[in-house]
Amino acid sequence: MRRKAQKIPALKGEFKLALSDPDKAETIAVSLEKQFSLNNLSHSETEEEVNESTNNFSPPINNNYQNDNINSIQPSEVIKIIKKLNIKKACGRDGITNKMIKNIPCTMVFELTEIINNIFNFNYFPNAWKTAVVVPILKPGKDPTIPENYRPISLLSTLSKITENFILDKLNEHLIGNKILCPEQFGFRKSLTTNHQLLRVVEYITSGFDRGECTAAVFLDIQKAFDRVWKQGLIHKLIMYKTPPNLVQLLNSYLDDRKFVVRIGNSSSESKTMKAGIPQGGKISPVLYSIYVNDIPTTHKTLLGMYADDTTILARNKNPKYTAAAINQHLQKLDDWFVKWKIALNVSKTEAVYFAKGEKKHKPVIKIKNKIIPWSQQAKYLGIILDNKLTWQSHISSIKTKFRNVTRKLYPLIARDSDMKRKYKILIYTAILRPIITYGCPIWGSAAKSNINKLEVLENNIIRQICKAGWYMRNEDIRKAIKLPSLKDFIKKISVNFYNNIEDIDNEAIQQIDKYTLNIKSKRPRKILL
């Protein structure tokens, strides 16, 4: 199902209303140019250190890579990347589509391979590939007349993205080989998912429950995290992590002089410069962000969890004063570090939850930037709602709402009177609807039976509708006929696979989760395995 093209209404520009498509594109471009700029934060000592580091950096004149046939990119490797291209993806500014690339003759593959090898030989990323086409998409529930309410979706050159695969391989080889990335960062790491970070957080809280401890958690909201990365600071960190000099020079070329144009309909804005940030949609960007925040402060009294820019810190103790002291100490360190690296925290959107088994009248006071962070009853982290007693009621209610909303949109396809074949209706359910229910289930699957039953009712209603079942037919018989496991069995299967694979993950943070004996009365996640 294709998304309908958005009709953008007249926009409120700085000096006038933007009525035509060219004016609208220019108005949004001006807004985004401000977004892709450094936060107004200064730390002279760090700035001097970064300037000295980057100004004194000089890559070797002789590039060994140039004459090293063993390390050069082979046409077979380029073909392997081309085969994975999705022909439905939109093209960049050069108009070269994925479909075109997939149909180029072998001689062109050799030419492309030579271009990529020369990019490595000269440590130079082509300027022609550094201009993104930005398509603005309105953020849900926002005023469509305000330019800042549009999310930029960047379309990059296909040739650029093919090349980035090889740059990323070289970068990962250095990062993984030297174990540079901090174990608390789970974003875009091999074998690690949002579920693994959620498991760390929930296990920390529930193990505290078992010891009679309460847990304070702060969920930080970082403003425009990817869009306002200090490029010079990032290059400095690449140098500090002893990244191969040729690769540093190439990445500097990749980040330097980035531009974008905003496209609305057939009209485009003037080209604008990205003064800060890393390219949205770039293959390398997530790893570059991970490097930029890699030296984030930690303390032995708190737990730090990160998935890309989604960051949380937790502390637990029987005494609320000790919990507050640990959290406040860590927040102060983070605040100092944020200023040093020009990272802005949105204090008003930062949330705190005090997890406790019973009601706590006297909760500790926590502050950041001398502002008290109020306690919330719940917070959403990595797509899962964590209520302050971990009953999962709020999360399951949100699943029901989302499930019903999506079902309503799909109703013409899966309704009883739809002409679509039953096997395709079942495919729609298993590919689109069921994942809405099961996301994160290894973490919340140990919820009370009454909560799980609510989700089973949702599923049963859809299955009966798809199969045009009469009132007299049993749910169990319907499932057997279409070879679909019950929701409870499916959730358990996912969870068993998830927990069985954890021991094979080479990550210090995930392996530090304490082992425990399964107990039917426990609220801990692995209870689902019973």
Protein backbone atom coordinates (compact mmCIF):
# COMPACT_ATOMS: atom_id res chain seq x y z
CA MET A 1 0.00 0.00 0.00
CA ARG A 2 1.61 3.25 -1.12
CA ARG A 3 1.53 6.35 1.05
CA LYS A 4 -0.49 9.13 -0.59
CA ALA A 5 1.54 12.19 -1.57
CA GLN A 6 1.13 14.90 1.05
CA LYS A 7 -0.38 18.18 -0.01
CA ILE A 8 1.48 20.87 1.90
CA PRO A 9 -0.67 23.93 2.67
CA ALA A 10 0.53 27.55 2.77
CA LEU A 11 3.48 27.83 5.17
CA LYS A 12 4.26 30.60 7.63
CA GLY A 13 7.66 31.89 6.53
CA GLU A 14 9.82 34.37 8.43
CA PHE A 15 8.46 37.36 6.50
CA LYS A 16 5.54 36.11 4.39
CA LEU A 17 3.23 33.22 3.61
CA ALA A 18 4.68 30.64 1.23
CA LEU A 19 1.91 29.80 -1.25
CA SER A 20 3.62 28.26 -4.29
CA ASP A 21 5.62 25.01 -4.25
CA PRO A 22 8.96 26.80 -4.92
CA ASP A 23 8.29 29.17 -1.99
CA LYS A 24 7.24 26.31 0.28
CA ALA A 25 10.40 24.37 -0.59
CA GLU A 26 12.57 27.42 0.12
CA THR A 27 10.77 28.12 3.42
CA ILE A 28 11.32 24.58 4.70
CA ALA A 29 14.93 24.66 3.45
CA VAL A 30 15.64 27.82 5.47
CA SER A 31 14.14 26.13 8.54
CA LEU A 32 16.25 22.99 8.02
CA GLU A 33 19.41 25.04 7.49
CA LYS A 34 18.97 26.27 11.06
CA GLN A 35 18.34 22.70 12.23
CA PHE A 36 21.58 21.47 10.60
CA SER A 37 23.71 23.87 12.65
CA LEU A 38 25.71 23.62 15.86
CA ASN A 39 24.04 24.06 19.23
CA ASN A 40 24.98 27.35 20.88
CA LEU A 41 27.21 25.73 23.50
CA SER A 42 30.84 26.56 24.16
CA HIS A 43 33.70 24.96 26.09
CA SER A 44 36.95 26.74 25.23
CA GLU A 45 39.28 24.04 26.58
CA THR A 46 37.66 21.32 24.45
CA GLU A 47 37.51 23.58 21.39
CA GLU A 48 41.25 24.31 21.69
CA GLU A 49 42.01 20.59 22.04
CA VAL A 50 39.89 19.73 18.99
CA ASN A 51 41.39 22.53 16.88
CA GLU A 52 44.92 21.46 17.76
CA SER A 53 44.16 17.80 17.05
CA THR A 54 42.47 18.34 13.67
CA ASN A 55 44.85 21.08 12.48
CA ASN A 56 47.91 18.97 13.27
CA PHE A 57 46.45 15.88 11.63
CA SER A 58 48.26 14.96 8.44
CA PRO A 59 47.62 11.67 6.60
CA PRO A 60 50.61 9.91 5.06
CA ILE A 61 51.57 11.11 1.59
CA ASN A 62 52.09 7.59 0.26
CA ASN A 63 48.92 5.56 0.38
CA ASN A 64 49.76 1.88 0.71
CA TYR A 65 46.20 0.99 -0.24
CA GLN A 66 46.77 2.29 -3.76
CA ASN A 67 49.15 -0.50 -4.69
CA ASP A 68 47.68 -3.22 -2.52
CA ASN A 69 45.66 -5.45 -4.84
CA ILE A 70 44.76 -7.74 -1.95
CA ASN A 71 42.80 -4.95 -0.18
CA SER A 72 41.27 -3.35 -3.27
CA ILE A 73 37.54 -3.72 -3.86
CA GLN A 74 36.69 -6.49 -6.33
CA PRO A 75 33.84 -6.33 -8.91
CA SER A 76 32.28 -9.42 -7.29
CA GLU A 77 31.90 -7.44 -4.03
CA VAL A 78 30.21 -4.57 -5.87
CA ILE A 79 27.84 -7.01 -7.61
CA LYS A 80 26.94 -8.50 -4.23
CA ILE A 81 25.89 -5.04 -2.96
CA ILE A 82 23.99 -4.24 -6.18
CA LYS A 83 21.96 -7.45 -5.90
CA LYS A 84 20.67 -6.32 -2.50
CA LEU A 85 19.37 -2.96 -3.79
CA ASN A 86 15.65 -2.39 -3.40
CA ILE A 87 14.21 -1.22 -6.74
CA LYS A 88 11.33 0.52 -4.94
CA LYS A 89 13.63 2.99 -3.15
CA ALA A 90 13.63 6.57 -4.44
CA CYS A 91 16.72 7.89 -6.20
CA GLY A 92 18.95 10.81 -5.28
CA ARG A 93 19.58 14.09 -7.06
CA ASP A 94 21.45 12.43 -9.96
CA GLY A 95 18.28 10.57 -11.02
CA ILE A 96 20.06 7.20 -11.09
CA THR A 97 17.60 4.64 -9.75
CA ASN A 98 18.36 1.32 -8.09
CA LYS A 99 16.64 -0.40 -11.02
CA MET A 100 19.08 1.23 -13.45
CA ILE A 101 22.05 0.07 -11.37
CA LYS A 102 20.72 -3.48 -11.18
CA ASN A 103 20.58 -3.58 -14.99
CA ILE A 104 24.00 -2.14 -15.83
CA PRO A 105 26.30 -4.35 -17.96
CA CYS A 106 29.42 -5.99 -16.54
CA THR A 107 31.67 -3.39 -18.16
CA MET A 108 29.91 -0.69 -16.11
CA VAL A 109 30.41 -2.73 -12.93
CA PHE A 110 34.16 -2.71 -13.63
CA GLU A 111 34.02 1.08 -14.14
CA LEU A 112 32.11 1.56 -10.88
CA THR A 113 34.59 -0.67 -9.04
CA GLU A 114 37.45 1.46 -10.36
CA ILE A 115 35.70 4.63 -9.16
CA ILE A 116 35.25 3.15 -5.67
CA ASN A 117 38.88 2.03 -5.51
CA ASN A 118 40.04 5.50 -6.53
CA ILE A 119 37.89 7.03 -3.79
CA PHE A 120 39.99 4.98 -1.35
CA ASN A 121 43.22 5.69 -3.23
CA PHE A 122 42.79 9.46 -3.06
CA ASN A 123 40.79 9.58 0.22
CA TYR A 124 38.29 11.79 -1.55
CA PHE A 125 34.50 11.52 -1.57
CA PRO A 126 32.90 13.03 -4.72
CA ASN A 127 31.10 16.36 -4.21
CA ALA A 128 28.44 15.27 -6.71
CA TRP A 129 27.28 12.65 -4.20
CA LYS A 130 27.15 15.01 -1.21
CA THR A 131 23.88 16.82 -1.96
CA ALA A 132 20.76 15.22 -0.51
CA VAL A 133 17.23 15.71 -1.83
CA VAL A 134 15.01 16.31 1.20
CA VAL A 135 11.33 15.35 1.05
CA PRO A 136 9.42 16.94 3.97
CA ILE A 137 6.93 14.73 5.84
CA LEU A 138 4.57 16.26 8.40
CA LYS A 139 5.11 14.99 11.95
CA PRO A 140 1.97 13.27 13.34
CA GLY A 141 -0.50 15.62 15.01
CA LYS A 142 1.46 18.79 14.19
CA ASP A 143 0.31 22.08 12.62
CA PRO A 144 0.99 21.73 8.85
CA THR A 145 1.51 25.49 8.40
CA ILE A 146 4.68 25.56 10.56
CA PRO A 147 7.88 24.70 8.60
CA GLU A 148 9.59 23.24 11.71
CA ASN A 149 6.85 20.60 11.98
CA TYR A 150 8.12 18.69 8.94
CA ARG A 151 10.51 15.77 9.27
CA PRO A 152 13.24 15.73 6.59
CA ILE A 153 13.53 12.47 4.64
CA SER A 154 16.84 12.55 2.77
CA LEU A 155 17.31 10.84 -0.59
CA LEU A 156 20.97 10.13 -1.32
CA SER A 157 22.70 8.99 -4.48
CA THR A 158 22.58 5.22 -4.99
CA LEU A 159 26.23 5.27 -6.07
CA SER A 160 27.08 7.03 -2.81
CA LYS A 161 25.28 4.38 -0.75
CA ILE A 162 27.01 1.54 -2.62
CA THR A 163 30.39 3.13 -1.85
CA GLU A 164 29.47 3.74 1.78
CA ASN A 165 29.09 -0.02 2.30
CA PHE A 166 32.82 -0.43 1.70
CA ILE A 167 33.79 2.57 3.85
CA LEU A 168 31.64 1.13 6.64
CA ASP A 169 33.38 -2.24 6.33
CA LYS A 170 36.78 -0.56 6.80
CA LEU A 171 35.52 1.47 9.76
CA ASN A 172 33.89 -1.52 11.46
CA GLU A 173 37.04 -3.55 10.95
CA HIS A 174 38.92 -0.96 13.03
CA LEU A 175 36.20 -0.50 15.67
CA ILE A 176 35.50 -4.20 16.23
CA GLY A 177 39.11 -5.34 15.92
CA ASN A 178 40.18 -2.87 18.61
CA LYS A 179 37.00 -3.13 20.73
CA ILE A 180 36.54 0.63 20.67
CA LEU A 181 32.77 1.09 21.03
CA CYS A 182 31.47 1.14 24.61
CA PRO A 183 29.44 -1.98 25.56
CA GLU A 184 26.47 0.13 26.75
CA GLN A 185 25.75 1.29 23.16
CA PHE A 186 23.47 -1.31 21.50
CA GLY A 187 22.43 0.75 18.47
CA PHE A 188 23.46 -0.66 15.08
CA ARG A 189 25.66 -3.33 16.67
CA LYS A 190 25.84 -6.89 15.37
CA SER A 191 23.44 -9.29 17.17
CA LEU A 192 22.09 -6.51 19.42
CA THR A 193 18.53 -5.18 19.18
CA THR A 194 16.25 -2.85 21.11
CA ASN A 195 15.00 -5.93 22.97
CA HIS A 196 18.48 -6.55 24.39
CA GLN A 197 18.77 -3.01 25.76
CA LEU A 198 15.23 -3.20 27.13
CA LEU A 199 16.17 -6.48 28.81
CA ARG A 200 19.12 -4.81 30.59
CA VAL A 201 16.88 -2.02 31.87
CA VAL A 202 13.98 -4.24 32.98
CA GLU A 203 16.24 -6.86 34.58
CA TYR A 204 17.96 -4.08 36.55
CA ILE A 205 14.61 -2.82 37.84
CA THR A 206 13.08 -6.22 38.63
CA SER A 207 16.23 -7.54 40.33
CA GLY A 208 15.91 -4.46 42.55
CA PHE A 209 12.32 -5.45 43.33
CA ASP A 210 13.57 -8.89 44.45
CA ARG A 211 16.01 -7.19 46.87
CA GLY A 212 13.47 -4.72 48.20
CA GLU A 213 15.09 -1.85 46.30
CA CYS A 214 13.47 0.98 44.35
CA THR A 215 14.90 2.18 41.06
CA ALA A 216 15.07 5.73 39.75
CA ALA A 217 15.31 5.99 35.96
CA VAL A 218 15.86 9.10 33.85
CA PHE A 219 15.06 8.95 30.12
CA LEU A 220 17.04 11.70 28.40
CA ASP A 221 15.77 13.59 25.36
CA ILE A 222 18.65 14.80 23.18
CA GLN A 223 17.74 17.61 20.79
CA LYS A 224 18.35 16.93 17.08
CA ALA A 225 21.01 14.36 18.01
CA PHE A 226 22.14 13.37 14.50
CA ASP A 227 21.50 16.78 12.92
CA ARG A 228 23.77 18.75 15.27
CA VAL A 229 26.84 16.58 15.59
CA TRP A 230 29.97 18.73 15.77
CA LYS A 231 31.84 17.49 12.68
CA GLN A 232 35.25 18.75 13.78
CA GLY A 233 34.71 17.12 17.18
CA LEU A 234 33.84 13.84 15.45
CA ILE A 235 37.02 13.93 13.35
CA HIS A 236 38.99 14.61 16.55
CA LYS A 237 37.49 11.51 18.16
CA LEU A 238 38.29 9.40 15.09
CA ILE A 239 41.90 10.55 15.45
CA MET A 240 41.91 9.84 19.21
CA TYR A 241 40.63 6.29 18.57
CA LYS A 242 43.62 5.76 16.26
CA THR A 243 41.47 5.29 13.16
CA PRO A 244 43.74 4.63 10.13
CA PRO A 245 44.80 8.11 8.87
CA ASN A 246 43.68 7.44 5.29
CA LEU A 247 40.22 6.50 6.55
CA VAL A 248 40.07 9.63 8.73
CA GLN A 249 40.89 11.76 5.68
CA LEU A 250 38.24 9.99 3.60
CA LEU A 251 35.60 10.40 6.33
CA ASN A 252 36.52 14.07 6.65
CA SER A 253 35.97 14.43 2.89
CA TYR A 254 32.67 12.53 3.24
CA LEU A 255 31.40 14.92 5.96
CA ASP A 256 32.81 18.16 4.55
CA ASP A 257 30.69 20.59 2.53
CA ARG A 258 27.46 18.57 2.70
CA LYS A 259 24.47 20.21 1.05
CA PHE A 260 20.75 19.62 0.59
CA VAL A 261 17.80 20.81 -1.46
CA VAL A 262 14.16 20.52 -0.43
CA ARG A 263 11.80 19.10 -3.04
CA ILE A 264 8.05 19.68 -3.06
CA GLY A 265 6.22 18.37 -6.12
CA ASN A 266 8.34 19.30 -9.13
CA SER A 267 9.95 22.28 -7.39
CA SER A 268 13.23 22.40 -5.49
CA SER A 269 14.75 24.96 -3.14
CA GLU A 270 18.12 26.65 -3.50
CA SER A 271 21.01 24.45 -2.35
CA LYS A 272 21.74 24.90 1.39
CA THR A 273 24.80 23.93 3.43
CA MET A 274 24.74 21.53 6.39
CA LYS A 275 26.94 23.33 8.92
CA ALA A 276 26.64 20.45 11.38
CA GLY A 277 25.31 16.94 11.62
CA ILE A 278 25.85 13.67 9.83
CA PRO A 279 23.97 12.70 6.64
CA GLN A 280 20.51 11.31 7.29
CA GLY A 281 20.05 8.02 5.45
CA GLY A 282 23.79 7.48 5.08
CA LYS A 283 25.04 3.94 5.70
CA ILE A 284 27.93 5.23 7.81
CA SER A 285 25.96 7.80 9.84
CA PRO A 286 24.71 5.55 12.69
CA VAL A 287 28.24 4.27 13.39
CA LEU A 288 29.67 7.80 13.21
CA TYR A 289 27.12 8.91 15.81
CA SER A 290 28.08 5.97 18.03
CA ILE A 291 31.73 7.07 17.81
CA TYR A 292 30.78 10.66 18.65
CA VAL A 293 29.02 9.69 21.89
CA ASN A 294 31.35 6.80 22.71
CA ASP A 295 33.11 8.57 25.60
CA ILE A 296 29.86 9.39 27.40
CA PRO A 297 30.50 9.35 31.18
CA THR A 298 29.55 6.30 33.26
CA THR A 299 29.58 5.70 37.02
CA HIS A 300 29.82 2.48 39.03
CA LYS A 301 26.65 3.36 40.98
CA THR A 302 24.37 3.70 37.95
CA LEU A 303 23.36 1.75 34.85
CA LEU A 304 23.70 3.48 31.48
CA GLY A 305 21.67 2.25 28.52
CA MET A 306 21.97 3.56 24.95
CA TYR A 307 20.40 2.64 21.65
CA ALA A 308 21.70 5.26 19.18
CA ASP A 309 20.51 8.53 20.79
CA ASP A 310 17.91 6.93 23.10
CA THR A 311 19.68 7.21 26.43
CA THR A 312 18.67 6.30 29.97
CA ILE A 313 20.41 6.13 33.35
CA LEU A 314 19.18 4.13 36.35
CA ALA A 315 20.14 3.79 40.01
CA ARG A 316 18.64 1.59 42.72
CA ASN A 317 18.81 1.40 46.51
CA LYS A 318 16.60 0.76 49.52
CA ASN A 319 17.31 4.32 50.65
CA PRO A 320 15.88 6.99 48.27
CA LYS A 321 18.60 9.45 49.35
CA TYR A 322 21.36 7.19 48.03
CA THR A 323 19.42 6.63 44.80
CA ALA A 324 19.04 10.38 44.29
CA ALA A 325 22.72 11.01 45.06
CA ALA A 326 23.84 8.44 42.46
CA ILE A 327 21.49 9.75 39.76
CA ASN A 328 22.29 13.42 40.43
CA GLN A 329 26.02 12.76 40.37
CA HIS A 330 25.71 11.03 36.99
CA LEU A 331 23.43 13.74 35.60
CA GLN A 332 25.98 16.40 36.56
CA LYS A 333 28.73 14.51 34.75
CA LEU A 334 26.49 14.14 31.71
CA ASP A 335 25.58 17.83 31.74
CA ASP A 336 29.27 18.83 31.73
CA TRP A 337 29.99 16.34 28.94
CA PHE A 338 27.03 17.55 26.83
CA VAL A 339 28.33 21.14 26.98
CA LYS A 340 31.88 20.04 26.03
CA TRP A 341 30.63 18.28 22.90
CA LYS A 342 27.90 20.77 21.96
CA ILE A 343 25.05 18.35 22.62
CA ALA A 344 21.79 19.96 23.75
CA LEU A 345 19.44 18.23 26.18
CA ASN A 346 15.72 18.94 26.02
CA VAL A 347 15.02 19.12 29.76
CA SER A 348 11.27 19.65 29.32
CA LYS A 349 10.97 16.34 27.41
CA THR A 350 13.32 14.40 29.70
CA GLU A 351 11.29 12.00 31.87
CA ALA A 352 11.90 10.29 35.19
CA VAL A 353 10.13 7.25 36.65
CA TYR A 354 10.49 5.89 40.19
CA PHE A 355 9.99 2.13 40.02
CA ALA A 356 8.74 0.59 43.26
CA LYS A 357 6.56 -2.35 44.30
CA GLY A 358 4.39 -0.31 46.64
CA GLU A 359 3.31 3.32 46.85
CA LYS A 360 6.13 5.71 47.77
CA LYS A 361 4.98 9.03 49.20
CA HIS A 362 8.47 10.49 49.59
CA LYS A 363 10.41 10.30 46.36
CA PRO A 364 13.91 11.73 45.95
CA VAL A 365 14.55 15.00 44.14
CA ILE A 366 16.60 14.79 40.95
CA LYS A 367 17.87 17.73 38.93
CA ILE A 368 19.62 18.58 35.70
CA LYS A 369 20.71 22.10 34.78
CA ASN A 370 19.30 23.14 38.19
CA LYS A 371 15.82 22.13 37.07
CA ILE A 372 13.85 19.51 38.98
CA ILE A 373 12.73 16.61 36.80
CA PRO A 374 9.18 15.68 37.86
CA TRP A 375 8.33 12.01 38.42
CA SER A 376 6.06 10.38 35.84
CA GLN A 377 3.88 7.31 36.29
CA GLN A 378 5.38 5.80 33.14
CA ALA A 379 7.77 6.44 30.26
CA LYS A 380 8.14 5.10 26.75
CA TYR A 381 11.59 3.69 26.01
CA LEU A 382 12.50 2.05 22.70
CA GLY A 383 8.84 1.59 21.83
CA ILE A 384 7.83 -0.04 25.14
CA ILE A 385 5.84 1.72 27.88
CA LEU A 386 7.42 1.10 31.29
CA ASP A 387 4.93 1.81 34.10
CA ASN A 388 6.29 2.42 37.60
CA LYS A 389 5.31 -1.06 38.85
CA LEU A 390 6.06 -2.92 35.61
CA THR A 391 2.55 -4.36 35.37
CA TRP A 392 2.66 -3.73 31.58
CA GLN A 393 -1.00 -2.64 31.61
CA SER A 394 -0.29 0.69 29.91
CA HIS A 395 1.85 -0.94 27.26
CA ILE A 396 -0.74 -3.60 26.46
CA SER A 397 -3.43 -0.89 26.24
CA SER A 398 -1.26 0.98 23.73
CA ILE A 399 -0.79 -2.24 21.71
CA LYS A 400 -4.57 -2.68 21.56
CA THR A 401 -5.07 0.90 20.36
CA LYS A 402 -2.40 0.66 17.65
CA PHE A 403 -3.62 -2.78 16.56
CA ARG A 404 -7.20 -1.52 16.14
CA ASN A 405 -6.07 1.59 14.24
CA VAL A 406 -4.02 -0.43 11.75
CA THR A 407 -6.78 -3.07 11.46
CA ARG A 408 -9.23 -0.30 10.56
CA LYS A 409 -6.98 0.80 7.69
CA LEU A 410 -6.61 -2.77 6.44
CA TYR A 411 -10.30 -3.61 6.85
CA PRO A 412 -11.18 -3.45 3.12
CA LEU A 413 -8.59 -6.18 2.50
CA ILE A 414 -9.28 -8.54 5.42
CA ALA A 415 -13.03 -8.03 5.95
CA ARG A 416 -15.38 -11.03 5.75
CA ASP A 417 -16.80 -9.82 2.44
CA SER A 418 -13.37 -9.10 0.90
CA ASP A 419 -12.61 -11.02 -2.31
CA MET A 420 -8.98 -11.53 -1.33
CA LYS A 421 -7.93 -15.16 -0.91
CA ARG A 422 -7.70 -16.39 2.66
CA LYS A 423 -3.98 -17.23 2.42
CA TYR A 424 -3.21 -13.60 1.55
CA LYS A 425 -5.37 -12.32 4.40
CA ILE A 426 -3.42 -14.56 6.78
CA LEU A 427 -0.18 -13.21 5.29
CA ILE A 428 -1.34 -9.64 6.00
CA TYR A 429 -2.07 -10.65 9.58
CA THR A 430 1.27 -12.41 10.19
CA ALA A 431 3.37 -9.77 8.38
CA ILE A 432 1.68 -6.55 9.54
CA LEU A 433 -0.72 -7.05 12.44
CA ARG A 434 0.88 -9.75 14.58
CA PRO A 435 4.26 -7.91 14.84
CA ILE A 436 2.38 -4.98 16.43
CA ILE A 437 1.41 -7.31 19.27
CA THR A 438 4.66 -9.26 19.59
CA TYR A 439 7.25 -6.44 19.51
CA GLY A 440 9.25 -6.65 22.73
CA CYS A 441 7.36 -9.73 23.94
CA PRO A 442 10.46 -11.41 25.48
CA ILE A 443 10.51 -8.43 27.86
CA TRP A 444 6.81 -8.00 28.73
CA GLY A 445 5.61 -11.56 27.97
CA SER A 446 5.68 -12.41 31.69
CA ALA A 447 2.78 -9.99 32.30
CA ALA A 448 -0.31 -11.21 34.13
CA LYS A 449 -2.47 -13.74 32.26
CA SER A 450 -5.37 -11.29 32.29
CA ASN A 451 -3.30 -8.83 30.23
CA ILE A 452 -2.10 -11.48 27.77
CA ASN A 453 -5.71 -12.68 27.39
CA LYS A 454 -6.72 -9.20 26.18
CA LEU A 455 -4.28 -9.56 23.29
CA GLU A 456 -5.49 -13.09 22.50
CA VAL A 457 -9.03 -11.74 22.19
CA LEU A 458 -7.79 -9.19 19.64
CA GLU A 459 -6.09 -11.89 17.61
CA ASN A 460 -9.02 -14.32 17.82
CA ASN A 461 -11.42 -11.69 16.49
CA ILE A 462 -9.22 -11.02 13.46
CA ILE A 463 -8.65 -14.73 12.74
CA ARG A 464 -12.38 -15.42 12.88
CA GLN A 465 -13.00 -12.50 10.54
CA ILE A 466 -10.36 -13.66 8.07
CA CYS A 467 -11.69 -17.24 8.06
CA LYS A 468 -15.35 -16.17 7.98
CA ALA A 469 -15.90 -18.43 10.99
CA GLY A 470 -19.38 -19.08 12.34
CA TRP A 471 -20.26 -18.48 15.99
CA TYR A 472 -20.23 -22.22 16.67
CA MET A 473 -16.59 -22.74 15.57
CA ARG A 474 -13.92 -23.03 18.27
CA ASN A 475 -10.84 -20.78 18.06
CA GLU A 476 -8.59 -23.79 18.55
CA ASP A 477 -10.13 -25.60 15.57
CA ILE A 478 -9.80 -22.52 13.36
CA ARG A 479 -6.10 -22.20 14.20
CA LYS A 480 -5.53 -25.87 13.53
CA ALA A 481 -7.16 -25.57 10.11
CA ILE A 482 -4.97 -22.64 9.04
CA LYS A 483 -1.85 -23.92 10.87
CA LEU A 484 -1.47 -20.82 13.01
CA PRO A 485 -0.12 -21.16 16.58
CA SER A 486 -1.90 -19.47 19.46
CA LEU A 487 -0.57 -16.05 20.44
CA LYS A 488 0.64 -17.44 23.77
CA ASP A 489 2.61 -20.22 22.05
CA PHE A 490 4.02 -17.83 19.46
CA ILE A 491 5.20 -15.36 22.12
CA LYS A 492 6.85 -18.19 24.04
CA LYS A 493 8.61 -19.45 20.90
CA ILE A 494 10.02 -15.96 20.18
CA SER A 495 11.12 -15.61 23.81
CA VAL A 496 12.82 -19.02 23.96
CA ASN A 497 14.82 -18.22 20.80
CA PHE A 498 15.71 -14.78 22.17
CA TYR A 499 17.01 -16.04 25.52
CA ASN A 500 18.79 -19.04 24.01
CA ASN A 501 20.84 -16.75 21.76
CA ILE A 502 21.93 -14.29 24.47
CA GLU A 503 24.88 -16.37 25.69
CA ASP A 504 26.44 -16.25 22.21
CA ILE A 505 26.47 -12.43 22.09
CA ASP A 506 29.92 -10.94 22.53
CA ASN A 507 28.96 -7.91 24.62
CA GLU A 508 30.09 -7.23 28.17
CA ALA A 509 26.98 -5.27 29.15
CA ILE A 510 24.50 -7.98 28.11
CA GLN A 511 26.58 -10.71 29.77
CA GLN A 512 26.59 -8.80 33.08
CA ILE A 513 22.84 -9.37 33.55
CA ASP A 514 22.67 -11.54 36.65
CA LYS A 515 21.53 -15.15 36.37
CA TYR A 516 18.63 -16.26 38.57
CA THR A 517 16.39 -19.21 39.31
CA LEU A 518 13.03 -18.97 37.57
CA ASN A 519 10.17 -18.37 39.98
CA ILE A 520 6.46 -18.32 39.12
CA LYS A 521 5.92 -15.43 41.58
CA SER A 522 8.75 -13.34 40.16
CA LYS A 523 8.16 -10.30 37.93
CA ARG A 524 11.40 -10.81 36.04
CA PRO A 525 11.31 -11.22 32.23
CA ARG A 526 12.63 -14.80 32.01
CA LYS A 527 9.55 -15.98 33.89
CA ILE A 528 7.98 -16.39 30.45
CA LEU A 529 10.20 -19.46 29.93
CA LEU A 530 8.32 -21.40 32.63
